[in-house]
Protein backbone atom coordinates (compact mmCIF):
# COMPACT_ATOMS: atom_id res chain seq x y z
CA UNK A 1 0.00 0.00 0.00
CA UNK A 2 1.15 3.52 -0.76
CA UNK A 3 2.57 5.78 1.91
CA UNK A 4 1.31 8.85 0.11
CA UNK A 5 -1.17 10.62 2.40
CA UNK A 6 -3.60 11.51 -0.37
CA UNK A 7 -3.62 7.89 -1.62
CA UNK A 8 -4.32 6.61 1.90
CA UNK A 9 -7.18 9.06 2.33
CA UNK A 10 -8.59 8.20 -1.11
CA UNK A 11 -8.55 4.52 -0.14
CA UNK A 12 -10.42 5.25 3.11
CA UNK A 13 -13.05 7.26 1.24
CA UNK A 14 -13.52 4.51 -1.34
CA UNK A 15 -13.98 1.89 1.40
CA UNK A 16 -16.52 4.11 3.16
CA UNK A 17 -18.47 4.67 -0.06
CA UNK A 18 -18.32 0.97 -0.93
CA UNK A 19 -19.91 0.13 2.42
CA UNK A 20 -22.67 2.71 1.92
CA UNK A 21 -23.37 1.57 -1.63
CA UNK A 22 -23.50 -2.08 -0.62
CA UNK A 23 -25.96 -1.43 2.21
CA UNK A 24 -28.19 0.64 -0.08
CA UNK A 25 -28.22 -2.03 -2.79
CA UNK A 26 -28.92 -4.70 -0.20
CA UNK A 27 -31.85 -2.73 1.23
CA UNK A 28 -33.35 -2.30 -2.24
CA UNK A 29 -33.02 -6.02 -2.99
CA UNK A 30 -34.58 -6.96 0.35
CA UNK A 31 -37.52 -4.60 -0.12
CA UNK A 32 -38.10 -5.91 -3.65
CA UNK A 33 -38.12 -9.53 -2.50
CA UNK A 34 -40.50 -8.81 0.37
CA UNK A 35 -42.83 -6.88 -1.91
CA UNK A 36 -42.99 -9.61 -4.55
CA UNK A 37 -43.59 -12.27 -1.88
CA UNK A 38 -46.38 -10.18 -0.36
CA UNK A 39 -48.00 -9.90 -3.80
CA UNK A 40 -47.90 -13.67 -4.22
CA UNK A 41 -49.52 -14.30 -0.83
CA UNK A 42 -52.44 -11.87 -1.24
CA UNK A 43 -55.08 -12.18 -3.94
CA UNK A 44 -56.10 -8.50 -4.10
CA UNK A 45 -53.98 -5.34 -4.09
CA UNK A 46 -54.77 -2.91 -1.29
CA UNK A 47 -53.50 0.51 -0.29
CA UNK A 48 -50.61 -0.83 1.80
CA UNK A 49 -49.15 -2.47 -1.32
CA UNK A 50 -49.23 0.84 -3.14
CA UNK A 51 -47.52 2.60 -0.21
CA UNK A 52 -44.90 -0.12 -0.06
CA UNK A 53 -44.31 0.24 -3.80
CA UNK A 54 -43.86 4.00 -3.52
CA UNK A 55 -41.28 3.51 -0.74
CA UNK A 56 -39.30 1.13 -2.95
CA UNK A 57 -39.54 3.53 -5.91
CA UNK A 58 -38.25 6.36 -3.73
CA UNK A 59 -35.31 4.27 -2.54
CA UNK A 60 -34.43 3.25 -6.10
CA UNK A 61 -34.67 6.83 -7.36
CA UNK A 62 -32.44 8.03 -4.54
CA UNK A 63 -29.83 5.36 -5.36
CA UNK A 64 -29.91 6.38 -9.03
CA UNK A 65 -29.50 10.06 -8.19
CA UNK A 66 -26.51 9.31 -5.94
CA UNK A 67 -24.87 7.15 -8.59
CA UNK A 68 -25.21 3.88 -6.70
CA UNK A 69 -27.32 2.39 -9.49
CA UNK A 70 -27.25 3.19 -13.19
CA UNK A 71 -30.45 4.87 -14.37
CA UNK A 72 -31.32 1.98 -16.70
CA UNK A 73 -30.83 -0.47 -13.84
CA UNK A 74 -33.18 1.57 -11.66
CA UNK A 75 -35.76 1.75 -14.43
CA UNK A 76 -35.54 -1.99 -14.96
CA UNK A 77 -36.09 -2.67 -11.25
CA UNK A 78 -39.13 -0.38 -11.16
CA UNK A 79 -40.50 -1.99 -14.31
CA UNK A 80 -40.17 -5.46 -12.82
CA UNK A 81 -42.03 -4.36 -9.69
CA UNK A 82 -44.84 -2.85 -11.74
CA UNK A 83 -45.06 -5.97 -13.88
CA UNK A 84 -45.20 -8.18 -10.78
CA UNK A 85 -48.06 -6.08 -9.42
CA UNK A 86 -49.87 -6.25 -12.75
CA UNK A 87 -49.48 -10.03 -12.92
CA UNK A 88 -50.81 -10.48 -9.38
CA UNK A 89 -53.94 -8.44 -10.21
CA UNK A 90 -54.92 -10.60 -13.16
PDB file of N, CA and C in Angstrom:
ATOM      1  N   UNK A   1       0.839  -1.185   0.000  1.00  0.00           N
ATOM      2  CA  UNK A   1       0.000   0.000   0.000  1.00  0.00           C
ATOM      3  C   UNK A   1       0.880   1.243   0.000  1.00  0.00           C
ATOM      4  N   UNK A   2       0.386   2.283  -0.612  1.00  0.00           N
ATOM      5  CA  UNK A   2       1.149   3.522  -0.756  1.00  0.00           C
ATOM      6  C   UNK A   2       1.284   4.239   0.580  1.00  0.00           C
ATOM      7  N   UNK A   3       2.378   4.967   0.718  1.00  0.00           N
ATOM      8  CA  UNK A   3       2.570   5.782   1.914  1.00  0.00           C
ATOM      9  C   UNK A   3       2.200   7.228   1.658  1.00  0.00           C
ATOM     10  N   UNK A   4       1.752   7.512   0.449  1.00  0.00           N
ATOM     11  CA  UNK A   4       1.310   8.853   0.108  1.00  0.00           C
ATOM     12  C   UNK A   4       0.021   9.159   0.875  1.00  0.00           C
ATOM     13  N   UNK A   5      -0.027  10.284   1.548  1.00  0.00           N
ATOM     14  CA  UNK A   5      -1.172  10.621   2.403  1.00  0.00           C
ATOM     15  C   UNK A   5      -2.456  10.746   1.595  1.00  0.00           C
ATOM     16  N   UNK A   6      -2.395  11.343   0.436  1.00  0.00           N
ATOM     17  CA  UNK A   6      -3.603  11.507  -0.373  1.00  0.00           C
ATOM     18  C   UNK A   6      -4.118  10.154  -0.868  1.00  0.00           C
ATOM     19  N   UNK A   7      -3.201   9.224  -1.168  1.00  0.00           N
ATOM     20  CA  UNK A   7      -3.616   7.894  -1.618  1.00  0.00           C
ATOM     21  C   UNK A   7      -4.261   7.119  -0.478  1.00  0.00           C
ATOM     22  N   UNK A   8      -3.742   7.279   0.724  1.00  0.00           N
ATOM     23  CA  UNK A   8      -4.319   6.613   1.898  1.00  0.00           C
ATOM     24  C   UNK A   8      -5.725   7.133   2.156  1.00  0.00           C
ATOM     25  N   UNK A   9      -5.866   8.457   2.095  1.00  0.00           N
ATOM     26  CA  UNK A   9      -7.183   9.057   2.327  1.00  0.00           C
ATOM     27  C   UNK A   9      -8.178   8.647   1.243  1.00  0.00           C
ATOM     28  N   UNK A  10      -7.733   8.610   0.007  1.00  0.00           N
ATOM     29  CA  UNK A  10      -8.589   8.201  -1.108  1.00  0.00           C
ATOM     30  C   UNK A  10      -9.069   6.764  -0.904  1.00  0.00           C
ATOM     31  N   UNK A  11      -8.193   5.912  -0.410  1.00  0.00           N
ATOM     32  CA  UNK A  11      -8.553   4.525  -0.140  1.00  0.00           C
ATOM     33  C   UNK A  11      -9.602   4.446   0.963  1.00  0.00           C
ATOM     34  N   UNK A  12      -9.437   5.237   2.019  1.00  0.00           N
ATOM     35  CA  UNK A  12     -10.415   5.252   3.111  1.00  0.00           C
ATOM     36  C   UNK A  12     -11.780   5.710   2.617  1.00  0.00           C
ATOM     37  N   UNK A  13     -11.790   6.741   1.778  1.00  0.00           N
ATOM     38  CA  UNK A  13     -13.048   7.261   1.236  1.00  0.00           C
ATOM     39  C   UNK A  13     -13.731   6.216   0.353  1.00  0.00           C
ATOM     40  N   UNK A  14     -12.928   5.523  -0.457  1.00  0.00           N
ATOM     41  CA  UNK A  14     -13.517   4.515  -1.343  1.00  0.00           C
ATOM     42  C   UNK A  14     -14.093   3.353  -0.543  1.00  0.00           C
ATOM     43  N   UNK A  15     -13.450   2.960   0.541  1.00  0.00           N
ATOM     44  CA  UNK A  15     -13.976   1.891   1.398  1.00  0.00           C
ATOM     45  C   UNK A  15     -15.271   2.327   2.084  1.00  0.00           C
ATOM     46  N   UNK A  16     -15.310   3.582   2.527  1.00  0.00           N
ATOM     47  CA  UNK A  16     -16.523   4.108   3.161  1.00  0.00           C
ATOM     48  C   UNK A  16     -17.689   4.122   2.169  1.00  0.00           C
ATOM     49  N   UNK A  17     -17.426   4.610   0.954  1.00  0.00           N
ATOM     50  CA  UNK A  17     -18.469   4.670  -0.064  1.00  0.00           C
ATOM     51  C   UNK A  17     -18.913   3.277  -0.484  1.00  0.00           C
ATOM     52  N   UNK A  18     -17.980   2.340  -0.564  1.00  0.00           N
ATOM     53  CA  UNK A  18     -18.317   0.969  -0.925  1.00  0.00           C
ATOM     54  C   UNK A  18     -19.285   0.368   0.097  1.00  0.00           C
ATOM     55  N   UNK A  19     -19.032   0.631   1.360  1.00  0.00           N
ATOM     56  CA  UNK A  19     -19.906   0.126   2.424  1.00  0.00           C
ATOM     57  C   UNK A  19     -21.300   0.733   2.317  1.00  0.00           C
ATOM     58  N   UNK A  20     -21.372   2.037   2.085  1.00  0.00           N
ATOM     59  CA  UNK A  20     -22.669   2.707   1.924  1.00  0.00           C
ATOM     60  C   UNK A  20     -23.425   2.172   0.723  1.00  0.00           C
ATOM     61  N   UNK A  21     -22.733   2.044  -0.409  1.00  0.00           N
ATOM     62  CA  UNK A  21     -23.368   1.567  -1.630  1.00  0.00           C
ATOM     63  C   UNK A  21     -23.884   0.147  -1.454  1.00  0.00           C
ATOM     64  N   UNK A  22     -23.101  -0.688  -0.815  1.00  0.00           N
ATOM     65  CA  UNK A  22     -23.500  -2.078  -0.616  1.00  0.00           C
ATOM     66  C   UNK A  22     -24.737  -2.175   0.261  1.00  0.00           C
ATOM     67  N   UNK A  23     -24.797  -1.371   1.327  1.00  0.00           N
ATOM     68  CA  UNK A  23     -25.965  -1.426   2.210  1.00  0.00           C
ATOM     69  C   UNK A  23     -27.213  -0.904   1.502  1.00  0.00           C
ATOM     70  N   UNK A  24     -27.045   0.101   0.662  1.00  0.00           N
ATOM     71  CA  UNK A  24     -28.185   0.640  -0.077  1.00  0.00           C
ATOM     72  C   UNK A  24     -28.709  -0.377  -1.087  1.00  0.00           C
ATOM     73  N   UNK A  25     -27.808  -1.013  -1.822  1.00  0.00           N
ATOM     74  CA  UNK A  25     -28.218  -2.031  -2.787  1.00  0.00           C
ATOM     75  C   UNK A  25     -28.899  -3.200  -2.086  1.00  0.00           C
ATOM     76  N   UNK A  26     -28.350  -3.592  -0.949  1.00  0.00           N
ATOM     77  CA  UNK A  26     -28.919  -4.702  -0.197  1.00  0.00           C
ATOM     78  C   UNK A  26     -30.327  -4.368   0.293  1.00  0.00           C
ATOM     79  N   UNK A  27     -30.521  -3.143   0.749  1.00  0.00           N
ATOM     80  CA  UNK A  27     -31.846  -2.727   1.225  1.00  0.00           C
ATOM     81  C   UNK A  27     -32.860  -2.756   0.087  1.00  0.00           C
ATOM     82  N   UNK A  28     -32.451  -2.298  -1.076  1.00  0.00           N
ATOM     83  CA  UNK A  28     -33.351  -2.301  -2.239  1.00  0.00           C
ATOM     84  C   UNK A  28     -33.734  -3.731  -2.604  1.00  0.00           C
ATOM     85  N   UNK A  29     -32.745  -4.634  -2.645  1.00  0.00           N
ATOM     86  CA  UNK A  29     -33.018  -6.024  -2.990  1.00  0.00           C
ATOM     87  C   UNK A  29     -33.955  -6.667  -1.978  1.00  0.00           C
ATOM     88  N   UNK A  30     -33.742  -6.395  -0.696  1.00  0.00           N
ATOM     89  CA  UNK A  30     -34.581  -6.963   0.352  1.00  0.00           C
ATOM     90  C   UNK A  30     -36.016  -6.462   0.231  1.00  0.00           C
ATOM     91  N   UNK A  31     -36.179  -5.159   0.024  1.00  0.00           N
ATOM     92  CA  UNK A  31     -37.524  -4.602  -0.122  1.00  0.00           C
ATOM     93  C   UNK A  31     -38.238  -5.178  -1.340  1.00  0.00           C
ATOM     94  N   UNK A  32     -37.503  -5.347  -2.438  1.00  0.00           N
ATOM     95  CA  UNK A  32     -38.103  -5.907  -3.649  1.00  0.00           C
ATOM     96  C   UNK A  32     -38.576  -7.337  -3.412  1.00  0.00           C
ATOM     97  N   UNK A  33     -37.749  -8.144  -2.762  1.00  0.00           N
ATOM     98  CA  UNK A  33     -38.118  -9.534  -2.505  1.00  0.00           C
ATOM     99  C   UNK A  33     -39.347  -9.613  -1.597  1.00  0.00           C
ATOM    100  N   UNK A  34     -39.361  -8.802  -0.538  1.00  0.00           N
ATOM    101  CA  UNK A  34     -40.503  -8.811   0.375  1.00  0.00           C
ATOM    102  C   UNK A  34     -41.777  -8.373  -0.332  1.00  0.00           C
ATOM    103  N   UNK A  35     -41.660  -7.382  -1.192  1.00  0.00           N
ATOM    104  CA  UNK A  35     -42.834  -6.876  -1.912  1.00  0.00           C
ATOM    105  C   UNK A  35     -43.395  -7.937  -2.850  1.00  0.00           C
ATOM    106  N   UNK A  36     -42.526  -8.589  -3.596  1.00  0.00           N
ATOM    107  CA  UNK A  36     -42.989  -9.608  -4.548  1.00  0.00           C
ATOM    108  C   UNK A  36     -43.597 -10.795  -3.808  1.00  0.00           C
ATOM    109  N   UNK A  37     -43.006 -11.189  -2.667  1.00  0.00           N
ATOM    110  CA  UNK A  37     -43.593 -12.268  -1.876  1.00  0.00           C
ATOM    111  C   UNK A  37     -44.950 -11.878  -1.321  1.00  0.00           C
ATOM    112  N   UNK A  38     -45.094 -10.624  -0.899  1.00  0.00           N
ATOM    113  CA  UNK A  38     -46.382 -10.184  -0.361  1.00  0.00           C
ATOM    114  C   UNK A  38     -47.446 -10.154  -1.453  1.00  0.00           C
ATOM    115  N   UNK A  39     -47.043  -9.870  -2.689  1.00  0.00           N
ATOM    116  CA  UNK A  39     -47.996  -9.898  -3.804  1.00  0.00           C
ATOM    117  C   UNK A  39     -48.454 -11.325  -4.085  1.00  0.00           C
ATOM    118  N   UNK A  40     -47.551 -12.278  -3.951  1.00  0.00           N
ATOM    119  CA  UNK A  40     -47.903 -13.671  -4.218  1.00  0.00           C
ATOM    120  C   UNK A  40     -48.833 -14.247  -3.163  1.00  0.00           C
ATOM    121  N   UNK A  41     -48.717 -13.757  -1.926  1.00  0.00           N
ATOM    122  CA  UNK A  41     -49.517 -14.301  -0.829  1.00  0.00           C
ATOM    123  C   UNK A  41     -50.924 -13.728  -0.767  1.00  0.00           C
ATOM    124  N   UNK A  42     -51.144 -12.538  -1.326  1.00  0.00           N
ATOM    125  CA  UNK A  42     -52.441 -11.873  -1.236  1.00  0.00           C
ATOM    126  C   UNK A  42     -53.087 -11.850  -2.613  1.00  0.00           C
ATOM    127  N   UNK A  43     -54.393 -12.115  -2.645  1.00  0.00           N
ATOM    128  CA  UNK A  43     -55.078 -12.177  -3.941  1.00  0.00           C
ATOM    129  C   UNK A  43     -55.420 -10.791  -4.484  1.00  0.00           C
ATOM    130  N   UNK A  44     -55.744  -9.835  -3.599  1.00  0.00           N
ATOM    131  CA  UNK A  44     -56.101  -8.496  -4.099  1.00  0.00           C
ATOM    132  C   UNK A  44     -55.098  -7.453  -3.610  1.00  0.00           C
ATOM    133  N   UNK A  45     -54.928  -6.420  -4.410  1.00  0.00           N
ATOM    134  CA  UNK A  45     -53.983  -5.343  -4.091  1.00  0.00           C
ATOM    135  C   UNK A  45     -54.724  -4.297  -3.262  1.00  0.00           C
ATOM    136  N   UNK A  46     -54.152  -3.949  -2.112  1.00  0.00           N
ATOM    137  CA  UNK A  46     -54.768  -2.906  -1.291  1.00  0.00           C
ATOM    138  C   UNK A  46     -53.835  -1.699  -1.188  1.00  0.00           C
ATOM    139  N   UNK A  47     -54.245  -0.758  -0.390  1.00  0.00           N
ATOM    140  CA  UNK A  47     -53.504   0.509  -0.291  1.00  0.00           C
ATOM    141  C   UNK A  47     -52.105   0.328   0.284  1.00  0.00           C
ATOM    142  N   UNK A  48     -51.938  -0.626   1.188  1.00  0.00           N
ATOM    143  CA  UNK A  48     -50.614  -0.832   1.795  1.00  0.00           C
ATOM    144  C   UNK A  48     -49.596  -1.296   0.751  1.00  0.00           C
ATOM    145  N   UNK A  49     -50.061  -2.061  -0.248  1.00  0.00           N
ATOM    146  CA  UNK A  49     -49.152  -2.474  -1.315  1.00  0.00           C
ATOM    147  C   UNK A  49     -48.698  -1.271  -2.129  1.00  0.00           C
ATOM    148  N   UNK A  50     -49.598  -0.348  -2.377  1.00  0.00           N
ATOM    149  CA  UNK A  50     -49.228   0.843  -3.139  1.00  0.00           C
ATOM    150  C   UNK A  50     -48.238   1.716  -2.353  1.00  0.00           C
ATOM    151  N   UNK A  51     -48.450   1.829  -1.042  1.00  0.00           N
ATOM    152  CA  UNK A  51     -47.520   2.599  -0.211  1.00  0.00           C
ATOM    153  C   UNK A  51     -46.143   1.930  -0.187  1.00  0.00           C
ATOM    154  N   UNK A  52     -46.151   0.624  -0.072  1.00  0.00           N
ATOM    155  CA  UNK A  52     -44.899  -0.124  -0.060  1.00  0.00           C
ATOM    156  C   UNK A  52     -44.150   0.059  -1.387  1.00  0.00           C
ATOM    157  N   UNK A  53     -44.906   0.044  -2.482  1.00  0.00           N
ATOM    158  CA  UNK A  53     -44.308   0.236  -3.803  1.00  0.00           C
ATOM    159  C   UNK A  53     -43.692   1.628  -3.930  1.00  0.00           C
ATOM    160  N   UNK A  54     -44.386   2.633  -3.416  1.00  0.00           N
ATOM    161  CA  UNK A  54     -43.858   3.997  -3.518  1.00  0.00           C
ATOM    162  C   UNK A  54     -42.584   4.164  -2.687  1.00  0.00           C
ATOM    163  N   UNK A  55     -42.500   3.458  -1.553  1.00  0.00           N
ATOM    164  CA  UNK A  55     -41.281   3.508  -0.737  1.00  0.00           C
ATOM    165  C   UNK A  55     -40.107   2.902  -1.496  1.00  0.00           C
ATOM    166  N   UNK A  56     -40.368   1.784  -2.173  1.00  0.00           N
ATOM    167  CA  UNK A  56     -39.304   1.134  -2.946  1.00  0.00           C
ATOM    168  C   UNK A  56     -38.877   2.031  -4.112  1.00  0.00           C
ATOM    169  N   UNK A  57     -39.864   2.620  -4.805  1.00  0.00           N
ATOM    170  CA  UNK A  57     -39.542   3.530  -5.908  1.00  0.00           C
ATOM    171  C   UNK A  57     -38.668   4.687  -5.425  1.00  0.00           C
ATOM    172  N   UNK A  58     -39.004   5.231  -4.272  1.00  0.00           N
ATOM    173  CA  UNK A  58     -38.250   6.358  -3.734  1.00  0.00           C
ATOM    174  C   UNK A  58     -36.807   5.942  -3.443  1.00  0.00           C
ATOM    175  N   UNK A  59     -36.647   4.746  -2.870  1.00  0.00           N
ATOM    176  CA  UNK A  59     -35.309   4.265  -2.538  1.00  0.00           C
ATOM    177  C   UNK A  59     -34.483   4.022  -3.810  1.00  0.00           C
ATOM    178  N   UNK A  60     -35.134   3.480  -4.840  1.00  0.00           N
ATOM    179  CA  UNK A  60     -34.435   3.245  -6.105  1.00  0.00           C
ATOM    180  C   UNK A  60     -34.040   4.572  -6.746  1.00  0.00           C
ATOM    181  N   UNK A  61     -34.960   5.524  -6.759  1.00  0.00           N
ATOM    182  CA  UNK A  61     -34.666   6.834  -7.357  1.00  0.00           C
ATOM    183  C   UNK A  61     -33.525   7.537  -6.631  1.00  0.00           C
ATOM    184  N   UNK A  62     -33.495   7.404  -5.314  1.00  0.00           N
ATOM    185  CA  UNK A  62     -32.436   8.031  -4.538  1.00  0.00           C
ATOM    186  C   UNK A  62     -31.080   7.390  -4.865  1.00  0.00           C
ATOM    187  N   UNK A  63     -31.077   6.060  -5.017  1.00  0.00           N
ATOM    188  CA  UNK A  63     -29.832   5.360  -5.363  1.00  0.00           C
ATOM    189  C   UNK A  63     -29.349   5.765  -6.749  1.00  0.00           C
ATOM    190  N   UNK A  64     -30.283   5.961  -7.669  1.00  0.00           N
ATOM    191  CA  UNK A  64     -29.908   6.382  -9.026  1.00  0.00           C
ATOM    192  C   UNK A  64     -29.335   7.794  -8.992  1.00  0.00           C
ATOM    193  N   UNK A  65     -29.971   8.677  -8.233  1.00  0.00           N
ATOM    194  CA  UNK A  65     -29.498  10.059  -8.194  1.00  0.00           C
ATOM    195  C   UNK A  65     -28.132  10.182  -7.532  1.00  0.00           C
ATOM    196  N   UNK A  66     -27.815   9.270  -6.598  1.00  0.00           N
ATOM    197  CA  UNK A  66     -26.513   9.310  -5.941  1.00  0.00           C
ATOM    198  C   UNK A  66     -25.441   8.545  -6.705  1.00  0.00           C
ATOM    199  N   UNK A  67     -25.843   7.867  -7.785  1.00  0.00           N
ATOM    200  CA  UNK A  67     -24.872   7.155  -8.592  1.00  0.00           C
ATOM    201  C   UNK A  67     -24.594   5.744  -8.119  1.00  0.00           C
ATOM    202  N   UNK A  68     -25.395   5.243  -7.195  1.00  0.00           N
ATOM    203  CA  UNK A  68     -25.205   3.878  -6.705  1.00  0.00           C
ATOM    204  C   UNK A  68     -25.668   2.881  -7.756  1.00  0.00           C
ATOM    205  N   UNK A  69     -26.785   3.200  -8.401  1.00  0.00           N
ATOM    206  CA  UNK A  69     -27.317   2.388  -9.494  1.00  0.00           C
ATOM    207  C   UNK A  69     -27.296   3.202 -10.776  1.00  0.00           C
ATOM    208  N   UNK A  70     -27.118   2.532 -11.890  1.00  0.00           N
ATOM    209  CA  UNK A  70     -27.247   3.187 -13.189  1.00  0.00           C
ATOM    210  C   UNK A  70     -28.726   3.446 -13.438  1.00  0.00           C
ATOM    211  N   UNK A  71     -29.045   4.494 -14.187  1.00  0.00           N
ATOM    212  CA  UNK A  71     -30.451   4.865 -14.373  1.00  0.00           C
ATOM    213  C   UNK A  71     -31.238   3.782 -15.092  1.00  0.00           C
ATOM    214  N   UNK A  72     -30.620   3.073 -16.021  1.00  0.00           N
ATOM    215  CA  UNK A  72     -31.323   1.980 -16.696  1.00  0.00           C
ATOM    216  C   UNK A  72     -31.585   0.820 -15.744  1.00  0.00           C
ATOM    217  N   UNK A  73     -30.655   0.580 -14.843  1.00  0.00           N
ATOM    218  CA  UNK A  73     -30.832  -0.468 -13.842  1.00  0.00           C
ATOM    219  C   UNK A  73     -31.999  -0.121 -12.924  1.00  0.00           C
ATOM    220  N   UNK A  74     -32.071   1.136 -12.496  1.00  0.00           N
ATOM    221  CA  UNK A  74     -33.178   1.571 -11.655  1.00  0.00           C
ATOM    222  C   UNK A  74     -34.514   1.460 -12.371  1.00  0.00           C
ATOM    223  N   UNK A  75     -34.529   1.846 -13.640  1.00  0.00           N
ATOM    224  CA  UNK A  75     -35.757   1.749 -14.432  1.00  0.00           C
ATOM    225  C   UNK A  75     -36.183   0.298 -14.590  1.00  0.00           C
ATOM    226  N   UNK A  76     -35.227  -0.574 -14.798  1.00  0.00           N
ATOM    227  CA  UNK A  76     -35.539  -1.992 -14.956  1.00  0.00           C
ATOM    228  C   UNK A  76     -36.127  -2.573 -13.672  1.00  0.00           C
ATOM    229  N   UNK A  77     -35.568  -2.188 -12.532  1.00  0.00           N
ATOM    230  CA  UNK A  77     -36.091  -2.671 -11.249  1.00  0.00           C
ATOM    231  C   UNK A  77     -37.530  -2.194 -11.032  1.00  0.00           C
ATOM    232  N   UNK A  78     -37.781  -0.921 -11.334  1.00  0.00           N
ATOM    233  CA  UNK A  78     -39.134  -0.385 -11.157  1.00  0.00           C
ATOM    234  C   UNK A  78     -40.109  -1.051 -12.117  1.00  0.00           C
ATOM    235  N   UNK A  79     -39.656  -1.328 -13.325  1.00  0.00           N
ATOM    236  CA  UNK A  79     -40.501  -1.992 -14.314  1.00  0.00           C
ATOM    237  C   UNK A  79     -40.865  -3.398 -13.860  1.00  0.00           C
ATOM    238  N   UNK A  80     -39.909  -4.109 -13.295  1.00  0.00           N
ATOM    239  CA  UNK A  80     -40.172  -5.463 -12.820  1.00  0.00           C
ATOM    240  C   UNK A  80     -41.175  -5.458 -11.672  1.00  0.00           C
ATOM    241  N   UNK A  81     -41.074  -4.459 -10.800  1.00  0.00           N
ATOM    242  CA  UNK A  81     -42.028  -4.362  -9.687  1.00  0.00           C
ATOM    243  C   UNK A  81     -43.436  -4.082 -10.205  1.00  0.00           C
ATOM    244  N   UNK A  82     -43.540  -3.176 -11.175  1.00  0.00           N
ATOM    245  CA  UNK A  82     -44.841  -2.846 -11.736  1.00  0.00           C
ATOM    246  C   UNK A  82     -45.429  -4.048 -12.460  1.00  0.00           C
ATOM    247  N   UNK A  83     -44.593  -4.780 -13.155  1.00  0.00           N
ATOM    248  CA  UNK A  83     -45.058  -5.965 -13.880  1.00  0.00           C
ATOM    249  C   UNK A  83     -45.515  -7.052 -12.898  1.00  0.00           C
ATOM    250  N   UNK A  84     -44.810  -7.202 -11.788  1.00  0.00           N
ATOM    251  CA  UNK A  84     -45.203  -8.181 -10.775  1.00  0.00           C
ATOM    252  C   UNK A  84     -46.551  -7.826 -10.179  1.00  0.00           C
ATOM    253  N   UNK A  85     -46.774  -6.518  -9.952  1.00  0.00           N
ATOM    254  CA  UNK A  85     -48.061  -6.085  -9.418  1.00  0.00           C
ATOM    255  C   UNK A  85     -49.159  -6.339 -10.433  1.00  0.00           C
ATOM    256  N   UNK A  86     -48.887  -6.047 -11.686  1.00  0.00           N
ATOM    257  CA  UNK A  86     -49.867  -6.248 -12.747  1.00  0.00           C
ATOM    258  C   UNK A  86     -50.235  -7.733 -12.883  1.00  0.00           C
ATOM    259  N   UNK A  87     -49.235  -8.599 -12.804  1.00  0.00           N
ATOM    260  CA  UNK A  87     -49.483 -10.029 -12.915  1.00  0.00           C
ATOM    261  C   UNK A  87     -50.271 -10.576 -11.733  1.00  0.00           C
ATOM    262  N   UNK A  88     -50.078  -9.984 -10.553  1.00  0.00           N
ATOM    263  CA  UNK A  88     -50.811 -10.478  -9.384  1.00  0.00           C
ATOM    264  C   UNK A  88     -52.268 -10.012  -9.401  1.00  0.00           C
ATOM    265  N   UNK A  89     -52.545  -8.919 -10.112  1.00  0.00           N
ATOM    266  CA  UNK A  89     -53.941  -8.440 -10.215  1.00  0.00           C
ATOM    267  C   UNK A  89     -54.739  -9.378 -11.093  1.00  0.00           C
ATOM    268  N   UNK A  90     -54.167  -9.766 -12.221  1.00  0.00           N
ATOM    269  CA  UNK A  90     -54.917 -10.605 -13.164  1.00  0.00           C
ATOM    270  C   UNK A  90     -54.833 -12.076 -12.857  1.00  0.00           C
TER     271      UNK A  90
END
